[in-house]
Each structure stands twice: as structure tokens, then as C-alpha cells.
PDB file of all heavy atoms in Angstrom:
ATOM      1  N   SER A   1      -6.599  -0.281 -11.167  1.00  0.00           N
ATOM      2  CA  SER A   1      -5.141  -0.568 -11.081  1.00  0.00           C
ATOM      3  C   SER A   1      -4.673  -0.347  -9.599  1.00  0.00           C
ATOM      4  O   SER A   1      -5.375   0.511  -8.838  1.00  0.00           O
ATOM      5  CB  SER A   1      -4.334   0.257 -11.865  1.00  0.00           C
ATOM      6  OG  SER A   1      -4.700  -0.013 -13.296  1.00  0.00           O
ATOM      7  N   THR A   2      -3.653  -1.011  -9.131  1.00  0.00           N
ATOM      8  CA  THR A   2      -3.201  -0.837  -7.749  1.00  0.00           C
ATOM      9  C   THR A   2      -2.708   0.630  -7.518  1.00  0.00           C
ATOM     10  O   THR A   2      -2.907   1.173  -6.408  1.00  0.00           O
ATOM     11  CB  THR A   2      -2.079  -1.716  -7.405  1.00  0.00           C
ATOM     12  OG1 THR A   2      -1.010  -1.696  -8.448  1.00  0.00           O
ATOM     13  CG2 THR A   2      -2.474  -3.171  -7.255  1.00  0.00           C
ATOM     14  N   ASN A   3      -2.220   1.268  -8.528  1.00  0.00           N
ATOM     15  CA  ASN A   3      -1.811   2.687  -8.392  1.00  0.00           C
ATOM     16  C   ASN A   3      -3.027   3.705  -8.334  1.00  0.00           C
ATOM     17  O   ASN A   3      -2.828   4.913  -8.229  1.00  0.00           O
ATOM     18  CB  ASN A   3      -0.717   3.132  -9.430  1.00  0.00           C
ATOM     19  CG  ASN A   3      -1.349   3.212 -10.739  1.00  0.00           C
ATOM     20  OD1 ASN A   3      -2.392   2.789 -11.051  1.00  0.00           O
ATOM     21  ND2 ASN A   3      -0.496   3.785 -11.768  1.00  0.00           N
ATOM     22  N   ASN A   4      -4.212   3.213  -8.438  1.00  0.00           N
ATOM     23  CA  ASN A   4      -5.387   4.053  -8.211  1.00  0.00           C
ATOM     24  C   ASN A   4      -5.809   4.029  -6.834  1.00  0.00           C
ATOM     25  O   ASN A   4      -6.861   4.626  -6.441  1.00  0.00           O
ATOM     26  CB  ASN A   4      -6.563   3.540  -9.169  1.00  0.00           C
ATOM     27  CG  ASN A   4      -6.228   3.587 -10.705  1.00  0.00           C
ATOM     28  OD1 ASN A   4      -6.583   2.681 -11.421  1.00  0.00           O
ATOM     29  ND2 ASN A   4      -5.648   4.779 -11.094  1.00  0.00           N
ATOM     30  N   VAL A   5      -5.158   3.221  -5.960  1.00  0.00           N
ATOM     31  CA  VAL A   5      -5.618   3.041  -4.553  1.00  0.00           C
ATOM     32  C   VAL A   5      -4.606   3.714  -3.596  1.00  0.00           C
ATOM     33  O   VAL A   5      -3.336   3.558  -3.732  1.00  0.00           O
ATOM     34  CB  VAL A   5      -5.721   1.548  -4.233  1.00  0.00           C
ATOM     35  CG1 VAL A   5      -6.116   1.373  -2.769  1.00  0.00           C
ATOM     36  CG2 VAL A   5      -6.649   0.844  -5.228  1.00  0.00           C
ATOM     37  N   LEU A   6      -5.124   4.398  -2.605  1.00  0.00           N
ATOM     38  CA  LEU A   6      -4.289   4.874  -1.468  1.00  0.00           C
ATOM     39  C   LEU A   6      -4.710   3.956  -0.279  1.00  0.00           C
ATOM     40  O   LEU A   6      -5.841   3.985   0.095  1.00  0.00           O
ATOM     41  CB  LEU A   6      -4.495   6.319  -1.238  1.00  0.00           C
ATOM     42  CG  LEU A   6      -4.030   6.880   0.076  1.00  0.00           C
ATOM     43  CD1 LEU A   6      -2.474   6.805   0.172  1.00  0.00           C
ATOM     44  CD2 LEU A   6      -4.550   8.316   0.402  1.00  0.00           C
ATOM     45  N   PHE A   7      -3.697   3.286   0.332  1.00  0.00           N
ATOM     46  CA  PHE A   7      -3.996   2.512   1.545  1.00  0.00           C
ATOM     47  C   PHE A   7      -3.471   3.206   2.735  1.00  0.00           C
ATOM     48  O   PHE A   7      -2.334   3.683   2.857  1.00  0.00           O
ATOM     49  CB  PHE A   7      -3.192   1.152   1.365  1.00  0.00           C
ATOM     50  CG  PHE A   7      -3.322   0.181   2.573  1.00  0.00           C
ATOM     51  CD1 PHE A   7      -4.615  -0.056   3.075  1.00  0.00           C
ATOM     52  CD2 PHE A   7      -2.239  -0.476   3.010  1.00  0.00           C
ATOM     53  CE1 PHE A   7      -4.761  -0.974   4.163  1.00  0.00           C
ATOM     54  CE2 PHE A   7      -2.363  -1.328   4.070  1.00  0.00           C
ATOM     55  CZ  PHE A   7      -3.568  -1.544   4.683  1.00  0.00           C
ATOM     56  N   LEU A   8      -4.318   3.374   3.783  1.00  0.00           N
ATOM     57  CA  LEU A   8      -3.969   3.879   5.052  1.00  0.00           C
ATOM     58  C   LEU A   8      -3.939   2.845   6.150  1.00  0.00           C
ATOM     59  O   LEU A   8      -4.861   2.162   6.336  1.00  0.00           O
ATOM     60  CB  LEU A   8      -4.969   4.976   5.424  1.00  0.00           C
ATOM     61  CG  LEU A   8      -5.234   6.139   4.472  1.00  0.00           C
ATOM     62  CD1 LEU A   8      -6.224   7.066   5.025  1.00  0.00           C
ATOM     63  CD2 LEU A   8      -4.015   6.864   4.162  1.00  0.00           C
ATOM     64  N   THR A   9      -2.824   2.694   6.839  1.00  0.00           N
ATOM     65  CA  THR A   9      -2.581   1.682   7.865  1.00  0.00           C
ATOM     66  C   THR A   9      -1.591   2.199   8.946  1.00  0.00           C
ATOM     67  O   THR A   9      -0.832   3.083   8.603  1.00  0.00           O
ATOM     68  CB  THR A   9      -2.165   0.393   7.318  1.00  0.00           C
ATOM     69  OG1 THR A   9      -2.003  -0.597   8.369  1.00  0.00           O
ATOM     70  CG2 THR A   9      -0.838   0.577   6.557  1.00  0.00           C
ATOM     71  N   ASP A  10      -1.693   1.664  10.067  1.00  0.00           N
ATOM     72  CA  ASP A  10      -0.707   2.043  11.097  1.00  0.00           C
ATOM     73  C   ASP A  10       0.519   0.984  11.147  1.00  0.00           C
ATOM     74  O   ASP A  10       1.372   1.221  11.905  1.00  0.00           O
ATOM     75  CB  ASP A  10      -1.427   2.032  12.507  1.00  0.00           C
ATOM     76  CG  ASP A  10      -1.992   0.716  12.898  1.00  0.00           C
ATOM     77  OD1 ASP A  10      -2.736   0.118  12.132  1.00  0.00           O
ATOM     78  OD2 ASP A  10      -1.633   0.230  14.047  1.00  0.00           O
ATOM     79  N   VAL A  11       0.300  -0.070  10.363  1.00  0.00           N
ATOM     80  CA  VAL A  11       1.315  -1.171  10.419  1.00  0.00           C
ATOM     81  C   VAL A  11       2.257  -1.068   9.244  1.00  0.00           C
ATOM     82  O   VAL A  11       1.823  -1.206   8.044  1.00  0.00           O
ATOM     83  CB  VAL A  11       0.642  -2.518  10.436  1.00  0.00           C
ATOM     84  CG1 VAL A  11       1.706  -3.700  10.480  1.00  0.00           C
ATOM     85  CG2 VAL A  11      -0.318  -2.643  11.647  1.00  0.00           C
ATOM     86  N   THR A  12       3.537  -0.893   9.441  1.00  0.00           N
ATOM     87  CA  THR A  12       4.534  -0.626   8.354  1.00  0.00           C
ATOM     88  C   THR A  12       4.651  -1.890   7.521  1.00  0.00           C
ATOM     89  O   THR A  12       4.949  -1.770   6.319  1.00  0.00           O
ATOM     90  CB  THR A  12       5.855  -0.122   8.859  1.00  0.00           C
ATOM     91  OG1 THR A  12       6.320  -1.097   9.917  1.00  0.00           O
ATOM     92  CG2 THR A  12       5.763   1.228   9.472  1.00  0.00           C
ATOM     93  N   ARG A  13       4.584  -3.115   8.105  1.00  0.00           N
ATOM     94  CA  ARG A  13       4.691  -4.332   7.271  1.00  0.00           C
ATOM     95  C   ARG A  13       3.574  -4.374   6.187  1.00  0.00           C
ATOM     96  O   ARG A  13       3.748  -4.829   5.103  1.00  0.00           O
ATOM     97  CB  ARG A  13       4.686  -5.532   8.162  1.00  0.00           C
ATOM     98  CG  ARG A  13       5.900  -5.725   8.926  1.00  0.00           C
ATOM     99  CD  ARG A  13       5.769  -7.008   9.772  1.00  0.00           C
ATOM    100  NE  ARG A  13       5.863  -8.209   9.023  1.00  0.00           N
ATOM    101  CZ  ARG A  13       5.237  -9.340   9.340  1.00  0.00           C
ATOM    102  NH1 ARG A  13       4.608  -9.535  10.507  1.00  0.00           N
ATOM    103  NH2 ARG A  13       5.301 -10.402   8.581  1.00  0.00           N
ATOM    104  N   GLU A  14       2.412  -3.881   6.593  1.00  0.00           N
ATOM    105  CA  GLU A  14       1.253  -3.861   5.664  1.00  0.00           C
ATOM    106  C   GLU A  14       1.498  -2.814   4.641  1.00  0.00           C
ATOM    107  O   GLU A  14       1.288  -2.991   3.425  1.00  0.00           O
ATOM    108  CB  GLU A  14      -0.025  -3.598   6.464  1.00  0.00           C
ATOM    109  CG  GLU A  14      -0.426  -4.694   7.400  1.00  0.00           C
ATOM    110  CD  GLU A  14      -1.670  -4.339   8.262  1.00  0.00           C
ATOM    111  OE1 GLU A  14      -2.214  -3.287   8.005  1.00  0.00           O
ATOM    112  OE2 GLU A  14      -1.972  -5.174   9.133  1.00  0.00           O
ATOM    113  N   ALA A  15       1.960  -1.672   5.105  1.00  0.00           N
ATOM    114  CA  ALA A  15       2.266  -0.610   4.158  1.00  0.00           C
ATOM    115  C   ALA A  15       3.312  -0.974   3.154  1.00  0.00           C
ATOM    116  O   ALA A  15       3.183  -0.701   1.970  1.00  0.00           O
ATOM    117  CB  ALA A  15       2.822   0.638   4.961  1.00  0.00           C
ATOM    118  N   ASN A  16       4.341  -1.769   3.563  1.00  0.00           N
ATOM    119  CA  ASN A  16       5.340  -2.216   2.683  1.00  0.00           C
ATOM    120  C   ASN A  16       4.777  -3.195   1.622  1.00  0.00           C
ATOM    121  O   ASN A  16       5.124  -3.154   0.471  1.00  0.00           O
ATOM    122  CB  ASN A  16       6.455  -2.957   3.519  1.00  0.00           C
ATOM    123  CG  ASN A  16       7.580  -3.429   2.655  1.00  0.00           C
ATOM    124  OD1 ASN A  16       8.235  -2.634   1.985  1.00  0.00           O
ATOM    125  ND2 ASN A  16       7.804  -4.719   2.577  1.00  0.00           N
ATOM    126  N   ALA A  17       3.849  -4.082   2.084  1.00  0.00           N
ATOM    127  CA  ALA A  17       3.333  -5.088   1.200  1.00  0.00           C
ATOM    128  C   ALA A  17       2.442  -4.324   0.125  1.00  0.00           C
ATOM    129  O   ALA A  17       2.457  -4.609  -1.087  1.00  0.00           O
ATOM    130  CB  ALA A  17       2.403  -6.091   1.954  1.00  0.00           C
ATOM    131  N   ALA A  18       1.680  -3.304   0.554  1.00  0.00           N
ATOM    132  CA  ALA A  18       0.862  -2.604  -0.409  1.00  0.00           C
ATOM    133  C   ALA A  18       1.672  -1.815  -1.434  1.00  0.00           C
ATOM    134  O   ALA A  18       1.387  -1.692  -2.628  1.00  0.00           O
ATOM    135  CB  ALA A  18      -0.009  -1.621   0.422  1.00  0.00           C
ATOM    136  N   GLU A  19       2.798  -1.236  -0.833  1.00  0.00           N
ATOM    137  CA  GLU A  19       3.754  -0.430  -1.712  1.00  0.00           C
ATOM    138  C   GLU A  19       4.351  -1.328  -2.771  1.00  0.00           C
ATOM    139  O   GLU A  19       4.549  -1.003  -3.936  1.00  0.00           O
ATOM    140  CB  GLU A  19       4.738   0.190  -0.852  1.00  0.00           C
ATOM    141  CG  GLU A  19       5.511   1.299  -1.555  1.00  0.00           C
ATOM    142  CD  GLU A  19       6.467   2.038  -0.548  1.00  0.00           C
ATOM    143  OE1 GLU A  19       7.394   1.371  -0.068  1.00  0.00           O
ATOM    144  OE2 GLU A  19       6.287   3.207  -0.384  1.00  0.00           O
ATOM    145  N   GLU A  20       4.691  -2.599  -2.309  1.00  0.00           N
ATOM    146  CA  GLU A  20       5.246  -3.551  -3.327  1.00  0.00           C
ATOM    147  C   GLU A  20       4.336  -3.879  -4.417  1.00  0.00           C
ATOM    148  O   GLU A  20       4.759  -4.210  -5.536  1.00  0.00           O
ATOM    149  CB  GLU A  20       5.652  -4.822  -2.533  1.00  0.00           C
ATOM    150  CG  GLU A  20       6.969  -4.745  -1.778  1.00  0.00           C
ATOM    151  CD  GLU A  20       7.300  -6.123  -1.165  1.00  0.00           C
ATOM    152  OE1 GLU A  20       6.497  -7.112  -1.322  1.00  0.00           O
ATOM    153  OE2 GLU A  20       8.315  -6.212  -0.450  1.00  0.00           O
ATOM    154  N   ALA A  21       3.003  -3.772  -4.163  1.00  0.00           N
ATOM    155  CA  ALA A  21       2.020  -4.027  -5.185  1.00  0.00           C
ATOM    156  C   ALA A  21       1.680  -2.768  -5.955  1.00  0.00           C
ATOM    157  O   ALA A  21       0.804  -2.772  -6.784  1.00  0.00           O
ATOM    158  CB  ALA A  21       0.700  -4.504  -4.476  1.00  0.00           C
ATOM    159  N   ASP A  22       2.426  -1.627  -5.677  1.00  0.00           N
ATOM    160  CA  ASP A  22       2.379  -0.467  -6.416  1.00  0.00           C
ATOM    161  C   ASP A  22       1.152   0.403  -5.966  1.00  0.00           C
ATOM    162  O   ASP A  22       0.626   1.243  -6.720  1.00  0.00           O
ATOM    163  CB  ASP A  22       2.293  -0.650  -8.004  1.00  0.00           C
ATOM    164  CG  ASP A  22       2.689   0.571  -8.692  1.00  0.00           C
ATOM    165  OD1 ASP A  22       3.430   1.323  -8.185  1.00  0.00           O
ATOM    166  OD2 ASP A  22       2.252   0.744  -9.839  1.00  0.00           O
ATOM    167  N   MET A  23       0.710   0.208  -4.805  1.00  0.00           N
ATOM    168  CA  MET A  23      -0.415   1.082  -4.174  1.00  0.00           C
ATOM    169  C   MET A  23       0.376   2.221  -3.512  1.00  0.00           C
ATOM    170  O   MET A  23       1.520   2.229  -3.114  1.00  0.00           O
ATOM    171  CB  MET A  23      -1.169   0.325  -3.065  1.00  0.00           C
ATOM    172  CG  MET A  23      -2.266  -0.491  -3.592  1.00  0.00           C
ATOM    173  SD  MET A  23      -3.369  -1.057  -2.236  1.00  0.00           S
ATOM    174  CE  MET A  23      -4.505  -2.151  -3.191  1.00  0.00           C
ATOM    175  N   HIS A  24      -0.362   3.392  -3.468  1.00  0.00           N
ATOM    176  CA  HIS A  24       0.123   4.537  -2.632  1.00  0.00           C
ATOM    177  C   HIS A  24      -0.226   4.228  -1.245  1.00  0.00           C
ATOM    178  O   HIS A  24      -1.236   3.598  -0.925  1.00  0.00           O
ATOM    179  CB  HIS A  24      -0.558   5.788  -3.095  1.00  0.00           C
ATOM    180  CG  HIS A  24      -0.363   6.151  -4.553  1.00  0.00           C
ATOM    181  ND1 HIS A  24       0.783   6.777  -4.965  1.00  0.00           N
ATOM    182  CD2 HIS A  24      -1.052   5.918  -5.682  1.00  0.00           C
ATOM    183  CE1 HIS A  24       0.792   6.915  -6.275  1.00  0.00           C
ATOM    184  NE2 HIS A  24      -0.357   6.418  -6.768  1.00  0.00           N
TER     185      HIS A  24
END
């Protein structure tokens, strides 16, 4: 599931997209 994933990035637009998909 997306909430089983932690995404590390320096780009906030990417962070926002991942968060919208319910990733940490």
C-alpha cells in the first residue's frame, strides 16, 4: 500500500504528489 512507503526527496512538488497518494 502507499502508506507502507516513506519517500525521501528534496523537491516539495514531488513530496506533495507522494503525499496526495497517501505515502509518508
